[in-house]
Amino acid sequence: MKVLVKVTRNYQVTIPASVRERLGIRIGDLLSVEVDGDRIILRKVVQEIPTIRLGRELTIDDIDRLIEEGLMRNAGGSD
């Protein structure tokens, strides 16, 4: 699929509806921008929301620990 878009004076472009629908891009989604030679590559960032099945109720300490682990994982860090 090839579609032409125009760069506005604020250096913005609109993603055509056909492309948004095909990729499932919604308001608030994140896109990564990569330059490859003379090409600009936009990719939809898939954010995983982890599911936790502990078989018990979460404590405040559990929640704090899981948040910290998620932040470290998203930042590319490790424990």
Protein backbone atom coordinates (compact mmCIF):
# COMPACT_ATOMS: atom_id res chain seq x y z
CA MET A 1 0.00 0.00 0.00
CA LYS A 2 1.45 3.35 -1.00
CA VAL A 3 -0.24 6.64 -0.06
CA LEU A 4 1.04 10.21 -0.44
CA VAL A 5 0.70 12.63 2.46
CA LYS A 6 1.69 16.27 2.70
CA VAL A 7 3.98 17.74 5.36
CA THR A 8 2.36 20.78 7.02
CA ARG A 9 4.22 23.95 7.94
CA ASN A 10 4.54 22.50 11.47
CA TYR A 11 6.24 19.41 9.96
CA GLN A 12 3.25 17.19 10.74
CA VAL A 13 1.67 14.52 8.57
CA THR A 14 -1.75 12.86 8.81
CA ILE A 15 -1.89 9.08 8.74
CA PRO A 16 -4.57 8.20 6.19
CA ALA A 17 -7.68 6.43 7.50
CA SER A 18 -6.99 3.33 5.38
CA VAL A 19 -3.56 2.94 7.01
CA ARG A 20 -4.90 3.62 10.53
CA GLU A 21 -7.63 1.03 10.07
CA ARG A 22 -5.29 -1.57 8.60
CA LEU A 23 -2.84 -1.22 11.51
CA GLY A 24 -5.45 -0.59 14.21
CA ILE A 25 -3.95 2.78 15.16
CA ARG A 26 -6.09 4.66 17.67
CA ILE A 27 -5.90 8.06 19.39
CA GLY A 28 -3.23 7.90 22.09
CA ASP A 29 -1.29 5.02 20.53
CA LEU A 30 2.48 5.35 20.37
CA LEU A 31 4.45 5.12 17.13
CA SER A 32 8.19 4.60 16.89
CA VAL A 33 10.09 6.63 14.29
CA GLU A 34 13.16 5.16 12.59
CA VAL A 35 15.34 6.57 9.82
CA ASP A 36 16.75 4.05 7.35
CA GLY A 37 18.79 5.84 4.68
CA ASP A 38 16.30 8.16 2.99
CA ARG A 39 13.26 6.37 4.46
CA ILE A 40 11.21 7.22 7.54
CA ILE A 41 9.70 4.14 9.14
CA LEU A 42 6.75 4.49 11.52
CA ARG A 43 5.81 1.45 13.59
CA LYS A 44 2.93 1.01 15.98
CA VAL A 45 4.28 0.31 19.45
CA VAL A 46 2.54 -2.66 21.01
CA GLN A 47 2.31 -2.09 24.73
CA GLU A 48 1.77 -5.27 26.65
CA ILE A 49 -0.38 -5.08 29.72
CA PRO A 50 0.65 -8.04 31.83
CA THR A 51 -1.99 -10.29 33.31
CA ILE A 52 -1.34 -11.41 36.85
CA ARG A 53 -2.93 -14.58 38.15
CA LEU A 54 -1.81 -15.17 41.68
CA GLY A 55 -4.84 -16.99 43.02
CA ARG A 56 -4.96 -14.45 45.83
CA GLU A 57 -5.58 -10.76 46.40
CA LEU A 58 -2.76 -8.33 45.69
CA THR A 59 -1.23 -6.36 48.52
CA ILE A 60 0.06 -2.80 48.21
CA ASP A 61 3.61 -4.23 48.34
CA ASP A 62 2.78 -6.61 45.46
CA ILE A 63 1.46 -3.71 43.38
CA ASP A 64 4.49 -1.52 44.13
CA ARG A 65 6.88 -4.35 43.21
CA LEU A 66 5.02 -5.11 39.96
CA ILE A 67 5.02 -1.43 38.97
CA GLU A 68 8.76 -1.20 39.59
CA GLU A 69 9.39 -4.39 37.57
CA GLY A 70 7.29 -3.03 34.69
CA LEU A 71 9.13 0.28 34.72
CA MET A 72 12.49 -1.48 34.68
CA ARG A 73 11.38 -3.79 31.84
CA ASN A 74 10.11 -0.83 29.75
CA ALA A 75 13.30 1.14 30.41
CA GLY A 76 15.42 -1.82 29.30
CA GLY A 77 16.92 -2.26 32.76
CA SER A 78 17.30 -5.38 34.80
CA ASP A 79 17.27 -6.34 38.46
